[in-house]
Structures are given as structure tokens and as C-alpha cells.
Amino acid sequence: MQTHSTDVLVVGAGPGGMSAAVAAARRGAKVTVLEALNEIGGNSIWSTGYMAFVDTDFQRKQGVEDSVEKFMRDARAEVELQRDRYGIIWDEYMTRVYAERSAETYDFLVQYGVEFGRFIQRPLQHTTDRMLNVVDTFGIQRAYLRAFEEFGVKVVYETRAKSLVRDGERVTGVVAHGPDGTVQWNASRGVVLSTGGYQSNPELRMRYQPEHLARTPYLGVHTCQGDGHVMGQMLGGDLINMTMIQPLVIVGSALVEDSIAVNVKGERFHDEAGPYDDRVNALLQQPDRIGYYVFDHDTFTRKQHLVDQMPAPYSVARDVPELARLIGCDAPTLQRTIDVWNATVTSSPQKDAQFNRVVFNADGHGVVTAPYYCSRMTLGTNFPSGGFRTTTAMVVVDVMGRMVPGLYAAGDTVGGVNPCLGLGGIHICSGLTLGTVAGESVADGVVGEVHELVRHEPLPRPKLTVTRPTMAIVDLKEKDA
């Protein structure tokens, strides 16, 4: 077996891995990244690219006042909402670190050419405008390729790590399989696990979900199979929030901006861009639990990469009557629905009188250009929340509350911040921000502290009244006599 050496080894080049690699290299470390695909970026480049930053220049230029405390209030509210649905273990400390350092992430992305367009308003989740859209998500990839070249980060593509290597208790590398066969990569300063989530691995999901949910579709790259979760768990890594796999309607948020959803009556039935849980509940309440996203040819042309990710194939209609036949609804009703929507998006100000939707596309484009498209709404998942508990320096913590020396985690292999994912814009941005913390820590040899996580207070013990049976004392001698 071949052997190669580096200072810092990053396993996976999604948001967490990319930022960890750059941060470690900026600290002077020799950094090697192993990536299972043939490009970097992971899910971020195929996503909508919404990111939530706190107290940025973008906000200040728009007259928006934000603060870490405001963000933390919103995060706590989201976590409390999810406690009714899942067993939650929230890392409030690292959530605050993300909030404090997210503006640095924004500055880095802008410096390296990422362009942000506008605020995406979600007032039920973010009480302050802080979520921004990326104009071109592939700009994230270009930014980090530029940074990799600048700081000498080496990427080894189409290479998948299989197991961790230890010297005593310390993690010192991985065994990986790639185009050159099986190779052992040694890392003198440490390994950063950033292999993504586990949404594309139904066998792993079945350990935390009923089978009928574990086999639902997912959005994202096929390599999110929980490799890092399994490798770290082999060393006793403490996986938290693994059952928090939120069901959602599978669709890219940027496609929703240009779409409406209709039921089999040809009518809109909810805020298409509202909270994820609300979208699921609305769909389940429709006749036969059926709904369709509807959009036009202009939207299809601009966002075909998002359309192609939809789990249900799209259908094409020459005109609205043909579209109605595909959906199975009354054509005049569907036409009225489309006409009302088109009037909504072209009005000033834009106001959705039916469902108070506040997310529209930037140019007021409706469903106007034939041919028209529809895609059946499908329930699945996109945001598995489970991952490792870490120290304040992103070192993996084991089930006994001890650090795993030499093993760091970033991105979707970390579980503590994820209970507030429902806010929107957290997924990518927290990966980038806390990935930077992991990269700085592994390069500098910082291990941080194992801190207490936020848990519910113990449930009160019920007061029980115990009635003990009366026991007769029998003199055995008397009984024998």
C-alpha cells in the first residue's frame, strides 16, 4: 500500500472542508484535501446558495441593524420549536461562535469574488433581514479554487476515505481508495472530517428513521453517505441529533422564487417559500396529498440545473389548457390562479393577499412564457442534522466526554448547531464559518474545551404512593406443631 504524508488532511471538499483547508493553509500548514467527486464544493454549488450572516457590511449599507444577540434569540426560538418533534441536543456555544464570525465568512467570500444579490425575507424565522442569496453558486467553487491555488492547498479527486489511522490514541491519518488504489495518508497535525451528511444512505438513515421515511428522496450529491460519521463512530465519537432528519418538499429554494404550487383543483394552497414544516403540512392536507410546482419556460431556461434535481420528472405543456390536463384540474381555474399570481408579482409593492408570501424573484417575473412546466411535489429530506459533538476548537468528542486527539470535524459531520437549521441560510454558512475554526485549530494544535451542551431540565419524577402489603409473621415451630 502506498503512503503519502501531509501536515493537515481534510476529508471532503464541501463548505466545511474547503474553509478548513484554506484556514489551515493560511496558518502555514501543508494541506491535502481528499474529495470523492471530481470537483470541490459539495452540495453548496448545487444549492440555492442562501446564507445567513450577522452584522455585515451588506446589512449596514441597507440600514439593517443586526447583532449576535438578535440572532441567538431567533436560533433559540427555532430550537424550541423543533424540541416538540425531535430529541434535541443543541450546542449553543458554537452557534454563538458561528454568529460572531459569520461576517468574516461574508468578507472572505466577497474578497474572492462571490456576489450576493439581495435579502431573502423569512420574517417567521429571521426577525432581522440577514439571509442573502448568492447570484451564482458556482462562484463559491471558483472562490475556493482561487484560494487553494493562492495558499497551496492540494486536492486529490475521486478518492474516498475508508478508515482512520491511529498511533496510540491519536488520529494520524486515513486509509483511502482512489484512482491509484488504496493509499494511506498520514497527517502530522491532524485530520478534519468533512464528508457531508448521510441523506443519500438509506441504510444508515434506517438506524434513525422508520424505513418508509429512510427511503424517501433527497437533494444533493450522492456521496453524502455518512462516511465521516461512521469512521468517527468507530473511535467512539459522540453522534448527536441523528434522528433530526426533517421531512420537506424537495425543491430548490431558488426555483420556488419563480414558481407557484397548485393542487389537483388548480389552486394555490400555501406560502410556497414559507417554513419547511409548514410546506409539508400543507401538502399533506391536499386532496390525495398531491400538488405540483408550476413555472414557465424562462424559469426553466435559467434554472434547469435545479429542475433536473427534482425527484419527480417534469412535464411540458404548450399552453395553460394542456398544463391543466397534465395536472388533472379545470383549465379556467388554473388560468385564474396564474393570472392572480402574475398580477401579484408585478404589483408594487408585491403583496400576496392569499398566503402572505414574501419571497419573490428579483425581477417580478411570473408564469408568463410558454411552454409551461409542472413537477409533482415530493416529500423527502435535504437537511439531516446529526453529527459529532465537538470541543470549542472543533475536536471530536467521544461518548465518554473525552477528546479524540488529532480528529477534527467540520460541515455536516458536526451536529451541535444543526437544531436551528430551520431558520434558513444556516446550512452552508455555518459549515464555512466553523470550518474555518476547525482549520485554524488543527494547524495551530489547539484542542479547545469540552463544554456542556444545552439540554432540557430533567423531567420531574412522579410522586408515587406505594402501599406495601401486610405480611403475617408465622412462628414456624407453631406451624409445625
Protein backbone atom coordinates (compact mmCIF):
# COMPACT_ATOMS: atom_id res chain seq x y z
CA MET A 1 0.00 0.00 0.00
CA GLN A 2 1.30 3.42 -0.95
CA THR A 3 1.89 6.01 1.78
CA HIS A 4 1.77 9.80 1.50
CA SER A 5 2.27 12.47 4.13
CA THR A 6 0.98 15.97 4.79
CA ASP A 7 0.56 18.31 7.76
CA VAL A 8 -3.24 18.59 7.69
CA LEU A 9 -5.54 16.16 5.92
CA VAL A 10 -9.06 17.34 5.10
CA VAL A 11 -11.52 14.61 4.10
CA GLY A 12 -14.21 16.12 1.89
CA ALA A 13 -14.37 19.43 0.00
CA GLY A 14 -17.83 20.74 0.76
CA PRO A 15 -18.27 24.05 2.59
CA GLY A 16 -16.71 22.84 5.85
CA GLY A 17 -13.78 21.13 4.16
CA MET A 18 -12.99 23.97 1.77
CA SER A 19 -12.91 26.58 4.51
CA ALA A 20 -10.94 24.32 6.87
CA ALA A 21 -8.33 23.71 4.17
CA VAL A 22 -7.87 27.40 3.42
CA ALA A 23 -7.74 28.36 7.10
CA ALA A 24 -5.08 25.73 7.87
CA ALA A 25 -3.02 26.68 4.82
CA ARG A 26 -3.14 30.36 5.77
CA ARG A 27 -1.60 29.31 9.08
CA GLY A 28 1.36 27.84 7.18
CA ALA A 29 0.34 24.17 7.18
CA LYS A 30 0.81 21.87 4.21
CA VAL A 31 -2.77 20.85 3.43
CA THR A 32 -4.12 17.97 1.37
CA VAL A 33 -7.82 17.52 0.62
CA LEU A 34 -9.34 14.17 -0.35
CA GLU A 35 -12.54 14.58 -2.38
CA ALA A 36 -14.78 11.73 -3.51
CA LEU A 37 -16.12 13.69 -6.50
CA ASN A 38 -14.19 15.22 -9.38
CA GLU A 39 -14.82 18.79 -8.21
CA ILE A 40 -14.91 20.76 -4.98
CA GLY A 41 -17.94 22.48 -3.48
CA GLY A 42 -20.15 19.57 -2.46
CA ASN A 43 -23.81 20.49 -2.12
CA SER A 44 -23.12 24.22 -1.94
CA ILE A 45 -22.65 24.67 -5.68
CA TRP A 46 -25.87 22.80 -6.50
CA SER A 47 -27.89 24.52 -3.82
CA THR A 48 -29.87 27.74 -3.85
CA GLY A 49 -26.98 29.40 -2.01
CA TYR A 50 -28.92 31.14 0.73
CA MET A 51 -26.65 32.17 3.61
CA ALA A 52 -27.42 33.87 6.92
CA PHE A 53 -24.74 36.30 8.14
CA VAL A 54 -24.81 38.51 11.21
CA ASP A 55 -23.85 42.20 11.20
CA THR A 56 -22.32 42.50 7.72
CA ASP A 57 -21.47 45.48 5.51
CA PHE A 58 -24.34 44.39 3.24
CA GLN A 59 -26.77 44.83 6.12
CA ARG A 60 -25.34 48.14 7.25
CA LYS A 61 -25.48 49.58 3.71
CA GLN A 62 -29.16 48.65 3.63
CA GLY A 63 -29.78 50.26 7.01
CA VAL A 64 -30.35 46.91 8.75
CA GLU A 65 -29.20 46.70 12.37
CA ASP A 66 -28.31 43.21 13.47
CA SER A 67 -26.44 41.66 16.37
CA VAL A 68 -25.33 38.32 17.73
CA GLU A 69 -27.96 38.58 20.47
CA LYS A 70 -30.75 39.11 17.93
CA PHE A 71 -29.58 36.07 16.00
CA MET A 72 -29.35 33.95 19.14
CA ARG A 73 -32.94 34.83 20.07
CA ASP A 74 -34.09 33.63 16.65
CA ALA A 75 -31.98 30.48 16.98
CA ARG A 76 -33.40 29.66 20.43
CA ALA A 77 -36.94 30.09 19.13
CA GLU A 78 -36.28 27.66 16.27
CA VAL A 79 -34.65 25.11 18.57
CA GLU A 80 -37.60 25.24 20.96
CA LEU A 81 -39.96 24.71 18.03
CA GLN A 82 -38.06 21.60 16.97
CA ARG A 83 -37.93 20.15 20.50
CA ASP A 84 -41.54 19.08 20.07
CA ARG A 85 -40.56 16.96 17.07
CA TYR A 86 -37.10 15.56 17.80
CA GLY A 87 -34.69 14.76 20.58
CA ILE A 88 -32.51 17.88 20.53
CA ILE A 89 -29.01 18.42 21.88
CA TRP A 90 -28.05 21.98 20.94
CA ASP A 91 -24.54 23.42 21.04
CA GLU A 92 -25.47 26.98 21.92
CA TYR A 93 -21.83 27.94 22.47
CA MET A 94 -20.73 27.03 18.93
CA THR A 95 -23.89 28.57 17.49
CA ARG A 96 -22.79 31.82 19.08
CA VAL A 97 -19.28 31.38 17.62
CA TYR A 98 -20.87 30.97 14.19
CA ALA A 99 -22.89 34.13 14.67
CA GLU A 100 -19.84 36.08 15.89
CA ARG A 101 -17.63 35.01 12.99
CA SER A 102 -20.12 34.78 10.12
CA ALA A 103 -19.31 38.34 8.98
CA GLU A 104 -15.70 37.19 8.43
CA THR A 105 -17.05 34.49 6.13
CA TYR A 106 -19.03 37.10 4.21
CA ASP A 107 -15.94 39.30 3.84
CA PHE A 108 -13.84 36.36 2.61
CA LEU A 109 -16.42 35.31 0.02
CA VAL A 110 -16.77 38.85 -1.31
CA GLN A 111 -12.99 39.26 -1.43
CA TYR A 112 -12.72 36.11 -3.55
CA GLY A 113 -15.41 37.12 -6.00
CA VAL A 114 -18.70 35.71 -4.68
CA GLU A 115 -21.57 38.07 -5.50
CA PHE A 116 -24.61 38.42 -3.26
CA GLY A 117 -27.86 39.71 -4.71
CA ARG A 118 -30.49 40.63 -2.15
CA PHE A 119 -32.09 39.80 1.17
CA ILE A 120 -34.33 36.75 1.27
CA GLN A 121 -37.00 37.61 3.79
CA ARG A 122 -38.28 34.96 6.17
CA PRO A 123 -39.85 37.00 8.95
CA LEU A 124 -41.24 33.97 10.77
CA GLN A 125 -37.69 32.68 11.23
CA HIS A 126 -35.27 35.61 10.90
CA THR A 127 -36.75 38.62 12.65
CA THR A 128 -33.98 40.73 11.08
CA ASP A 129 -33.01 40.72 7.39
CA ARG A 130 -29.78 38.72 7.30
CA MET A 131 -30.26 35.92 4.78
CA LEU A 132 -28.68 36.66 1.39
CA ASN A 133 -28.77 34.85 -1.93
CA VAL A 134 -25.68 34.01 -3.95
CA VAL A 135 -26.10 35.21 -7.52
CA ASP A 136 -24.15 32.23 -8.92
CA THR A 137 -23.49 29.32 -6.57
CA PHE A 138 -20.62 28.11 -8.74
CA GLY A 139 -18.93 31.32 -7.66
CA ILE A 140 -18.37 29.59 -4.31
CA GLN A 141 -16.39 26.90 -6.09
CA ARG A 142 -14.37 29.45 -8.06
CA ALA A 143 -13.61 31.39 -4.89
CA TYR A 144 -12.12 28.41 -3.11
CA LEU A 145 -10.25 27.16 -6.17
CA ARG A 146 -8.61 30.57 -6.27
CA ALA A 147 -7.81 30.41 -2.55
CA PHE A 148 -6.49 26.84 -2.88
CA GLU A 149 -4.10 27.96 -5.57
CA GLU A 150 -3.05 31.04 -3.60
CA PHE A 151 -2.28 29.11 -0.41
CA GLY A 152 -1.01 25.88 -1.94
CA VAL A 153 -3.84 23.50 -1.00
CA LYS A 154 -3.56 20.18 -2.84
CA VAL A 155 -6.75 18.34 -3.85
CA VAL A 156 -6.83 14.63 -4.64
CA TYR A 157 -10.04 13.92 -6.52
CA GLU A 158 -12.18 10.78 -6.82
CA THR A 159 -10.73 9.49 -3.57
CA ARG A 160 -12.89 8.18 -0.75
CA ALA A 161 -11.61 7.66 2.80
CA LYS A 162 -12.44 4.27 4.29
CA SER A 163 -10.97 4.27 7.80
CA LEU A 164 -8.99 6.35 10.25
CA VAL A 165 -5.41 5.57 11.26
CA ARG A 166 -4.23 5.97 14.84
CA ASP A 167 -0.90 5.99 16.64
CA GLY A 168 -1.92 5.10 20.17
CA GLU A 169 -4.93 7.28 20.97
CA ARG A 170 -4.12 9.95 18.39
CA VAL A 171 -5.61 10.01 14.89
CA THR A 172 -2.73 10.34 12.43
CA GLY A 173 -4.30 9.76 9.03
CA VAL A 174 -6.73 7.80 6.89
CA VAL A 175 -6.77 4.86 4.55
CA ALA A 176 -8.45 5.90 1.30
CA HIS A 177 -9.28 4.38 -2.05
CA GLY A 178 -8.80 6.30 -5.29
CA PRO A 179 -7.62 6.03 -8.89
CA ASP A 180 -4.22 4.75 -7.70
CA GLY A 181 -5.72 2.08 -5.48
CA THR A 182 -5.58 2.02 -1.69
CA VAL A 183 -3.37 4.69 -0.15
CA GLN A 184 -2.56 5.58 3.45
CA TRP A 185 -2.43 9.33 4.02
CA ASN A 186 -0.55 10.42 7.15
CA ALA A 187 -1.20 13.82 8.73
CA SER A 188 1.29 15.11 11.27
CA ARG A 189 -1.02 17.80 12.70
CA GLY A 190 -4.40 16.13 12.35
CA VAL A 191 -7.38 15.09 10.25
CA VAL A 192 -10.53 17.13 9.57
CA LEU A 193 -13.61 15.04 8.79
CA SER A 194 -15.92 16.98 6.46
CA THR A 195 -17.53 14.26 4.37
CA GLY A 196 -21.04 15.75 4.30
CA GLY A 197 -24.29 14.39 5.65
CA TYR A 198 -25.94 10.96 5.41
CA GLN A 199 -29.05 11.76 3.37
CA SER A 200 -28.01 9.57 0.43
CA ASN A 201 -27.53 6.44 2.58
CA PRO A 202 -30.93 4.87 3.33
CA GLU A 203 -29.32 2.01 5.26
CA LEU A 204 -27.73 4.45 7.67
CA ARG A 205 -30.88 6.56 7.84
CA MET A 206 -32.88 3.47 8.82
CA ARG A 207 -30.98 3.40 12.08
CA TYR A 208 -32.60 6.73 12.94
CA GLN A 209 -35.83 6.79 10.87
CA PRO A 210 -38.66 4.41 10.04
CA GLU A 211 -37.92 2.64 6.76
CA HIS A 212 -40.69 4.41 4.79
CA LEU A 213 -39.01 7.73 5.65
CA ALA A 214 -35.44 6.50 5.30
CA ARG A 215 -36.05 5.60 1.67
CA THR A 216 -37.55 8.93 0.65
CA PRO A 217 -35.66 11.04 -1.94
CA TYR A 218 -33.01 13.59 -1.05
CA LEU A 219 -31.44 16.65 -2.61
CA GLY A 220 -27.71 16.86 -3.06
CA VAL A 221 -24.68 14.94 -4.21
CA HIS A 222 -24.71 11.15 -3.98
CA THR A 223 -21.53 11.00 -1.90
CA CYS A 224 -23.28 12.21 1.28
CA GLN A 225 -23.38 8.71 2.73
CA GLY A 226 -22.19 9.37 6.26
CA ASP A 227 -18.63 8.13 5.72
CA GLY A 228 -17.21 10.54 8.30
CA HIS A 229 -19.96 9.71 10.78
CA VAL A 230 -19.15 6.01 10.56
CA MET A 231 -15.37 6.46 10.71
CA GLY A 232 -15.56 8.72 13.74
CA GLN A 233 -18.11 6.49 15.44
CA MET A 234 -15.66 3.59 15.16
CA LEU A 235 -13.43 5.57 17.55
CA GLY A 236 -16.29 6.32 19.92
CA GLY A 237 -17.26 9.73 18.52
CA ASP A 238 -20.44 11.07 20.12
CA LEU A 239 -23.08 11.49 17.40
CA ILE A 240 -25.89 13.84 18.39
CA ASN A 241 -29.18 14.88 16.74
CA MET A 242 -29.07 11.90 14.37
CA THR A 243 -32.85 11.44 14.47
CA MET A 244 -33.42 15.03 13.37
CA ILE A 245 -33.93 14.37 9.66
CA GLN A 246 -36.56 16.93 8.76
CA PRO A 247 -39.07 15.96 6.08
CA LEU A 248 -39.52 18.62 3.46
CA VAL A 249 -40.85 19.12 -0.02
CA ILE A 250 -37.90 18.51 -2.31
CA VAL A 251 -37.26 21.67 -4.32
CA GLY A 252 -34.50 24.22 -4.68
CA SER A 253 -35.45 27.47 -2.97
CA ALA A 254 -34.26 29.48 -5.97
CA LEU A 255 -36.73 27.58 -8.15
CA VAL A 256 -39.51 28.33 -5.67
CA GLU A 257 -38.85 32.04 -6.18
CA ASP A 258 -40.14 31.67 -9.76
CA SER A 259 -42.86 29.08 -9.13
CA ILE A 260 -46.27 28.54 -7.64
CA ALA A 261 -47.65 25.31 -6.24
CA VAL A 262 -51.16 24.16 -7.12
CA ASN A 263 -53.32 21.23 -6.05
CA VAL A 264 -55.47 18.99 -8.27
CA LYS A 265 -58.11 21.74 -8.26
CA GLY A 266 -55.64 24.11 -9.93
CA GLU A 267 -55.48 26.36 -6.87
CA ARG A 268 -52.59 27.62 -4.74
CA PHE A 269 -52.77 26.27 -1.19
CA HIS A 270 -49.89 27.70 0.85
CA ASP A 271 -46.88 30.00 1.06
CA GLU A 272 -44.52 28.11 -1.25
CA ALA A 273 -41.46 29.77 0.31
CA GLY A 274 -42.57 29.53 3.95
CA PRO A 275 -41.15 27.40 6.76
CA TYR A 276 -40.24 23.86 5.68
CA ASP A 277 -42.58 22.21 8.19
CA ASP A 278 -45.49 24.36 7.03
CA ARG A 279 -44.93 23.33 3.42
CA VAL A 280 -45.03 19.65 4.35
CA ASN A 281 -48.19 20.04 6.41
CA ALA A 282 -49.91 21.99 3.63
CA LEU A 283 -49.16 19.32 1.04
CA LEU A 284 -50.41 16.53 3.28
CA GLN A 285 -53.74 18.33 3.65
CA GLN A 286 -54.42 18.48 -0.10
CA PRO A 287 -56.73 16.06 -1.96
CA ASP A 288 -54.84 12.79 -2.38
CA ARG A 289 -51.81 14.63 -0.94
CA ILE A 290 -50.95 15.81 -4.45
CA GLY A 291 -49.50 19.14 -5.52
CA TYR A 292 -47.48 20.45 -8.47
CA TYR A 293 -44.89 23.18 -8.88
CA VAL A 294 -45.70 25.29 -11.93
CA PHE A 295 -43.23 27.54 -13.76
CA ASP A 296 -42.60 28.85 -17.25
CA HIS A 297 -40.02 28.40 -19.98
CA ASP A 298 -37.95 31.42 -18.96
CA THR A 299 -37.54 29.96 -15.47
CA PHE A 300 -36.73 26.53 -16.90
CA THR A 301 -34.03 28.01 -19.11
CA ARG A 302 -32.37 29.90 -16.26
CA LYS A 303 -32.69 27.24 -13.58
CA GLN A 304 -32.69 23.90 -15.36
CA HIS A 305 -29.98 22.59 -13.01
CA LEU A 306 -32.47 22.96 -10.15
CA VAL A 307 -35.33 21.46 -12.17
CA ASP A 308 -33.18 18.45 -13.02
CA GLN A 309 -32.60 17.81 -9.31
CA MET A 310 -36.32 17.40 -8.64
CA PRO A 311 -37.16 13.78 -7.74
CA ALA A 312 -40.27 13.74 -9.95
CA PRO A 313 -39.78 14.23 -13.70
CA TYR A 314 -41.17 17.45 -15.12
CA SER A 315 -43.86 17.65 -17.78
CA VAL A 316 -44.14 20.27 -20.54
CA ALA A 317 -47.32 21.86 -21.90
CA ARG A 318 -47.77 24.13 -24.91
CA ASP A 319 -50.41 26.24 -23.17
CA VAL A 320 -52.38 26.53 -19.94
CA PRO A 321 -55.22 24.19 -21.03
CA GLU A 322 -52.70 21.44 -21.79
CA LEU A 323 -50.99 22.15 -18.46
CA ALA A 324 -54.35 21.75 -16.72
CA ARG A 325 -54.84 18.36 -18.39
CA LEU A 326 -51.42 17.24 -17.12
CA ILE A 327 -52.32 18.29 -13.58
CA GLY A 328 -55.89 16.98 -13.83
CA CYS A 329 -57.57 20.25 -12.98
CA ASP A 330 -60.04 22.67 -14.52
CA ALA A 331 -58.34 24.90 -17.10
CA PRO A 332 -60.22 28.15 -16.27
CA THR A 333 -59.40 27.69 -12.57
CA LEU A 334 -55.71 27.18 -13.30
CA GLN A 335 -55.71 30.19 -15.62
CA ARG A 336 -57.23 32.37 -12.89
CA THR A 337 -54.64 31.13 -10.41
CA ILE A 338 -51.82 32.02 -12.78
CA ASP A 339 -53.35 35.39 -13.63
CA VAL A 340 -53.70 36.32 -9.95
CA TRP A 341 -50.09 35.31 -9.31
CA ASN A 342 -48.77 37.28 -12.27
CA ALA A 343 -50.66 40.35 -11.06
CA THR A 344 -49.16 39.83 -7.59
CA VAL A 345 -45.53 39.69 -8.71
CA THR A 346 -45.88 42.73 -10.99
CA SER A 347 -47.67 44.90 -8.43
CA SER A 348 -45.87 47.48 -6.33
CA PRO A 349 -45.46 46.68 -3.58
CA GLN A 350 -45.65 42.93 -4.11
CA LYS A 351 -48.29 41.59 -1.74
CA ASP A 352 -49.64 38.05 -1.68
CA ALA A 353 -53.18 38.53 -0.38
CA GLN A 354 -53.83 34.80 -0.24
CA PHE A 355 -50.95 33.40 1.81
CA ASN A 356 -48.72 36.37 2.74
CA ARG A 357 -45.76 35.03 0.79
CA VAL A 358 -42.84 37.46 0.97
CA VAL A 359 -40.20 35.69 -1.16
CA PHE A 360 -40.38 36.62 -4.85
CA ASN A 361 -37.80 36.67 -7.61
CA ALA A 362 -35.75 39.79 -8.14
CA ASP A 363 -37.30 40.94 -11.43
CA GLY A 364 -41.02 40.41 -10.83
CA HIS A 365 -41.20 37.53 -13.31
CA GLY A 366 -44.33 35.37 -13.14
CA VAL A 367 -45.61 32.34 -15.06
CA VAL A 368 -45.89 34.01 -18.46
CA THR A 369 -43.71 32.42 -21.13
CA ALA A 370 -44.88 29.26 -22.93
CA PRO A 371 -44.25 26.39 -22.87
CA TYR A 372 -45.23 25.78 -19.26
CA TYR A 373 -43.84 23.18 -16.88
CA CYS A 374 -45.09 21.24 -13.89
CA SER A 375 -43.35 18.87 -11.49
CA ARG A 376 -45.15 16.85 -8.85
CA MET A 377 -44.30 17.80 -5.28
CA THR A 378 -42.43 15.04 -3.48
CA LEU A 379 -41.64 14.60 0.20
CA GLY A 380 -38.07 13.73 1.12
CA THR A 381 -35.17 15.26 3.00
CA ASN A 382 -32.29 17.61 2.47
CA PHE A 383 -31.00 18.57 5.91
CA PRO A 384 -30.00 15.65 8.14
CA SER A 385 -28.89 17.30 11.34
CA GLY A 386 -26.85 14.62 13.05
CA GLY A 387 -23.12 14.83 13.55
CA PHE A 388 -20.39 14.84 16.14
CA ARG A 389 -20.24 16.72 19.35
CA THR A 390 -17.06 18.82 19.35
CA THR A 391 -14.92 20.92 21.60
CA THR A 392 -14.76 24.69 21.25
CA ALA A 393 -11.93 24.10 18.74
CA MET A 394 -13.92 21.54 16.68
CA VAL A 395 -12.12 18.46 18.04
CA VAL A 396 -14.40 15.42 18.02
CA VAL A 397 -15.63 14.39 21.47
CA ASP A 398 -16.28 10.72 22.27
CA VAL A 399 -19.25 9.20 24.08
CA MET A 400 -17.43 9.45 27.42
CA GLY A 401 -16.93 13.20 27.00
CA ARG A 402 -13.25 12.94 26.11
CA MET A 403 -11.47 14.47 23.13
CA VAL A 404 -10.37 12.24 20.25
CA PRO A 405 -6.81 13.57 19.77
CA GLY A 406 -5.96 14.59 16.21
CA LEU A 407 -9.53 14.32 14.91
CA TYR A 408 -11.45 17.48 13.99
CA ALA A 409 -14.82 17.85 12.27
CA ALA A 410 -16.47 20.45 10.04
CA GLY A 411 -19.60 20.95 7.98
CA ASP A 412 -22.29 18.30 8.07
CA THR A 413 -20.24 15.92 10.19
CA VAL A 414 -20.87 18.32 13.10
CA GLY A 415 -24.23 18.12 14.85
CA GLY A 416 -24.41 20.80 17.51
CA VAL A 417 -25.54 23.85 15.51
CA ASN A 418 -27.98 21.99 13.28
CA PRO A 419 -31.08 22.15 15.52
CA CYS A 420 -31.56 25.72 14.24
CA LEU A 421 -31.23 24.80 10.53
CA GLY A 422 -34.90 25.59 10.02
CA LEU A 423 -34.11 29.29 10.20
CA GLY A 424 -32.77 29.06 6.66
CA GLY A 425 -29.33 30.05 5.41
CA ILE A 426 -27.57 28.19 8.25
CA HIS A 427 -26.53 25.03 6.44
CA ILE A 428 -23.82 26.37 4.14
CA CYS A 429 -22.81 29.42 6.14
CA SER A 430 -22.22 27.59 9.43
CA GLY A 431 -20.19 24.98 7.54
CA LEU A 432 -17.97 27.67 6.04
CA THR A 433 -17.64 29.61 9.29
CA LEU A 434 -16.98 26.75 11.71
CA GLY A 435 -14.85 25.02 9.08
CA THR A 436 -12.53 28.00 9.42
CA VAL A 437 -12.39 27.39 13.18
CA ALA A 438 -11.51 23.73 12.57
CA GLY A 439 -8.77 24.61 10.08
CA GLU A 440 -7.19 27.21 12.34
CA SER A 441 -7.32 24.81 15.29
CA VAL A 442 -5.75 21.81 13.58
CA ALA A 443 -2.97 23.96 12.08
CA ASP A 444 -2.14 25.56 15.44
CA GLY A 445 -2.59 22.43 17.55
CA VAL A 446 -5.47 23.98 19.52
CA VAL A 447 -7.85 21.49 21.12
CA GLY A 448 -10.24 23.80 22.97
CA GLU A 449 -12.51 22.70 25.78
CA VAL A 450 -15.26 20.15 26.18
CA HIS A 451 -18.22 22.28 27.17
CA GLU A 452 -21.70 21.47 28.38
CA LEU A 453 -24.43 21.33 25.76
CA VAL A 454 -27.90 22.77 26.23
CA ARG A 455 -30.35 20.10 27.28
CA HIS A 456 -33.80 20.12 28.80
CA GLU A 457 -34.03 20.07 32.56
CA PRO A 458 -34.70 16.56 33.88
CA LEU A 459 -38.38 15.73 33.85
CA PRO A 460 -39.94 15.83 37.33
CA ARG A 461 -40.32 12.42 38.88
CA PRO A 462 -43.94 11.50 39.51
CA LYS A 463 -44.99 11.25 43.13
CA LEU A 464 -45.93 7.67 43.75
CA THR A 465 -47.83 6.37 46.74
CA VAL A 466 -46.62 2.89 47.48
CA THR A 467 -48.82 0.64 49.57
CA ARG A 468 -46.87 -2.24 50.92
CA PRO A 469 -48.73 -5.50 51.55
CA THR A 470 -49.22 -6.52 55.18
CA MET A 471 -47.06 -9.53 55.93
CA ALA A 472 -48.06 -12.04 58.57
CA ILE A 473 -45.27 -13.34 60.78
CA VAL A 474 -45.66 -17.02 61.34
CA ASP A 475 -43.90 -18.95 64.07
CA LEU A 476 -42.55 -21.93 62.21
CA LYS A 477 -42.43 -24.03 65.32
CA GLU A 478 -46.14 -23.38 65.95
CA LYS A 479 -46.93 -24.20 62.33
CA ASP A 480 -45.01 -27.48 62.50
CA ALA A 481 -46.77 -28.40 65.71
